[in-house]
C-alpha atoms as a PDB file:
ATOM      1  CA  MET A   1     101.759 128.760  70.753  1.00  0.00           C
ATOM      2  CA  THR A   2     101.554 125.287  72.159  1.00  0.00           C
ATOM      3  CA  LYS A   3      98.491 123.366  73.043  1.00  0.00           C
ATOM      4  CA  THR A   4      99.108 123.843  76.772  1.00  0.00           C
ATOM      5  CA  GLU A   5      99.185 127.526  76.375  1.00  0.00           C
ATOM      6  CA  LEU A   6      95.816 127.571  74.400  1.00  0.00           C
ATOM      7  CA  ARG A   7      94.058 125.508  77.057  1.00  0.00           C
ATOM      8  CA  LYS A   8      92.407 127.110  79.885  1.00  0.00           C
ATOM      9  CA  PRO A   9      92.880 125.822  83.497  1.00  0.00           C
ATOM     10  CA  GLY A  10      90.531 122.965  84.251  1.00  0.00           C
ATOM     11  CA  GLU A  11      90.090 122.007  80.580  1.00  0.00           C
ATOM     12  CA  GLY A  12      91.259 118.739  79.066  1.00  0.00           C
ATOM     13  CA  PHE A  13      92.697 115.787  80.851  1.00  0.00           C
ATOM     14  CA  LYS A  14      93.960 115.895  84.362  1.00  0.00           C
ATOM     15  CA  PRO A  15      97.680 114.994  84.749  1.00  0.00           C
ATOM     16  CA  TYR A  16      98.289 111.303  85.358  1.00  0.00           C
ATOM     17  CA  ALA A  17     100.197 112.248  88.456  1.00  0.00           C
ATOM     18  CA  VAL A  18      96.949 113.513  90.280  1.00  0.00           C
ATOM     19  CA  LYS A  19      95.823 109.951  90.775  1.00  0.00           C
ATOM     20  CA  TYR A  20      99.050 109.168  92.653  1.00  0.00           C
ATOM     21  CA  HIS A  21      99.213 112.373  94.555  1.00  0.00           C
ATOM     22  CA  PRO A  22     101.255 111.984  97.817  1.00  0.00           C
ATOM     23  CA  SER A  23      98.245 112.637 100.059  1.00  0.00           C
ATOM     24  CA  ARG A  24      96.228 109.950  98.310  1.00  0.00           C
ATOM     25  CA  LEU A  25      99.086 107.512  98.182  1.00  0.00           C
ATOM     26  CA  HIS A  26      99.767 107.911 101.775  1.00  0.00           C
ATOM     27  CA  LYS A  27      96.096 107.013 102.453  1.00  0.00           C
ATOM     28  CA  GLN A  28      96.345 103.932 100.237  1.00  0.00           C
ATOM     29  CA  VAL A  29      99.524 102.851 102.034  1.00  0.00           C
ATOM     30  CA  GLN A  30      97.921 103.327 105.497  1.00  0.00           C
ATOM     31  CA  ASP A  31      94.860 101.323 104.323  1.00  0.00           C
ATOM     32  CA  ALA A  32      97.074  98.470 102.919  1.00  0.00           C
ATOM     33  CA  ALA A  33      99.072  98.393 106.231  1.00  0.00           C
ATOM     34  CA  ALA A  34      95.798  98.126 108.124  1.00  0.00           C
ATOM     35  CA  ASP A  35      94.718  95.317 105.985  1.00  0.00           C
ATOM     36  CA  CYS A  36      97.998  93.481 106.607  1.00  0.00           C
ATOM     37  CA  ASP A  37      97.700  93.920 110.240  1.00  0.00           C
ATOM     38  CA  GLU A  38      94.157  92.414 110.178  1.00  0.00           C
ATOM     39  CA  LEU A  39      95.364  89.432 108.104  1.00  0.00           C
ATOM     40  CA  VAL A  40      98.155  88.808 110.504  1.00  0.00           C
ATOM     41  CA  ARG A  41      95.735  88.957 113.466  1.00  0.00           C
ATOM     42  CA  GLU A  42      93.385  86.522 111.688  1.00  0.00           C
ATOM     43  CA  GLY A  43      96.376  84.264 110.854  1.00  0.00           C
ATOM     44  CA  GLU A  44      97.349  84.112 114.512  1.00  0.00           C
ATOM     45  CA  MET A  45      93.847  83.306 115.471  1.00  0.00           C
ATOM     46  CA  ILE A  46      93.623  80.485 113.038  1.00  0.00           C
ATOM     47  CA  LYS A  47      97.026  79.100 114.317  1.00  0.00           C
ATOM     48  CA  ALA A  48      95.813  79.265 117.839  1.00  0.00           C
ATOM     49  CA  LEU A  49      92.636  77.312 116.811  1.00  0.00           C
ATOM     50  CA  GLN A  50      94.305  74.561 114.729  1.00  0.00           C
ATOM     51  CA  GLY A  51      93.879  71.201 116.448  1.00  0.00           C
ATOM     52  CA  LYS A  52      91.287  72.537 118.818  1.00  0.00           C
ATOM     53  CA  SER A  53      87.479  72.038 118.660  1.00  0.00           C
ATOM     54  CA  VAL A  54      85.849  74.365 116.274  1.00  0.00           C
ATOM     55  CA  VAL A  55      82.941  75.351 118.559  1.00  0.00           C
ATOM     56  CA  PRO A  56      84.652  78.453 119.934  1.00  0.00           C
ATOM     57  CA  LEU A  57      85.229  79.493 116.339  1.00  0.00           C
ATOM     58  CA  ILE A  58      81.469  80.027 115.859  1.00  0.00           C
ATOM     59  CA  GLY A  59      81.496  82.875 118.532  1.00  0.00           C
ATOM     60  CA  TRP A  60      84.419  84.406 116.611  1.00  0.00           C
ATOM     61  CA  ILE A  61      82.639  84.226 113.229  1.00  0.00           C
ATOM     62  CA  MET A  62      79.488  85.571 114.801  1.00  0.00           C
ATOM     63  CA  LEU A  63      76.916  83.739 112.761  1.00  0.00           C
ATOM     64  CA  GLY A  64      73.815  86.027 112.769  1.00  0.00           C
ATOM     65  CA  SER A  65      71.039  83.558 112.535  1.00  0.00           C
ATOM     66  CA  VAL A  66      70.054  81.181 115.403  1.00  0.00           C
ATOM     67  CA  ARG A  67      68.667  78.776 112.702  1.00  0.00           C
ATOM     68  CA  VAL A  68      72.077  78.572 111.007  1.00  0.00           C
ATOM     69  CA  GLN A  69      73.840  78.019 114.424  1.00  0.00           C
ATOM     70  CA  GLY A  70      71.266  75.252 115.025  1.00  0.00           C
ATOM     71  CA  LEU A  71      72.288  73.538 111.670  1.00  0.00           C
ATOM     72  CA  VAL A  72      76.006  74.223 111.904  1.00  0.00           C
ATOM     73  CA  MET A  73      76.853  73.674 115.592  1.00  0.00           C
ATOM     74  CA  PRO A  74      75.821  69.977 115.715  1.00  0.00           C
ATOM     75  CA  TRP A  75      77.906  69.306 112.636  1.00  0.00           C
ATOM     76  CA  LEU A  76      80.921  70.989 114.057  1.00  0.00           C
ATOM     77  CA  GLU A  77      80.696  69.508 117.526  1.00  0.00           C
ATOM     78  CA  GLY A  78      83.954  67.782 118.404  1.00  0.00           C
ATOM     79  CA  ARG A  79      85.615  68.587 114.945  1.00  0.00           C
ATOM     80  CA  THR A  80      88.937  70.304 114.708  1.00  0.00           C
ATOM     81  CA  LEU A  81      89.547  73.343 112.451  1.00  0.00           C
ATOM     82  CA  GLU A  82      91.261  71.144 109.918  1.00  0.00           C
ATOM     83  CA  GLU A  83      88.401  68.478 109.758  1.00  0.00           C
ATOM     84  CA  ALA A  84      85.710  71.399 109.506  1.00  0.00           C
ATOM     85  CA  VAL A  85      87.532  73.137 106.583  1.00  0.00           C
ATOM     86  CA  LEU A  86      88.144  69.862 104.697  1.00  0.00           C
END
């Protein structure tokens, strides 16, 4: 008798392939595709904002705290995206 014949169902290690089962892999591929789409949209947004004043960017980032906006907004006023990042 081999070891596999002696082992009862559910005992021992799960097969390596279970981790990469088609249903799970499909979900991972879908998640990765969604992430890529999001990055493309963010990249397009950044391209659209390059060379423009950064103040509209604050609304896009949605800073939660009014205090933070009060500190950041005057510093960003009139700066372009490149100047603010550098």
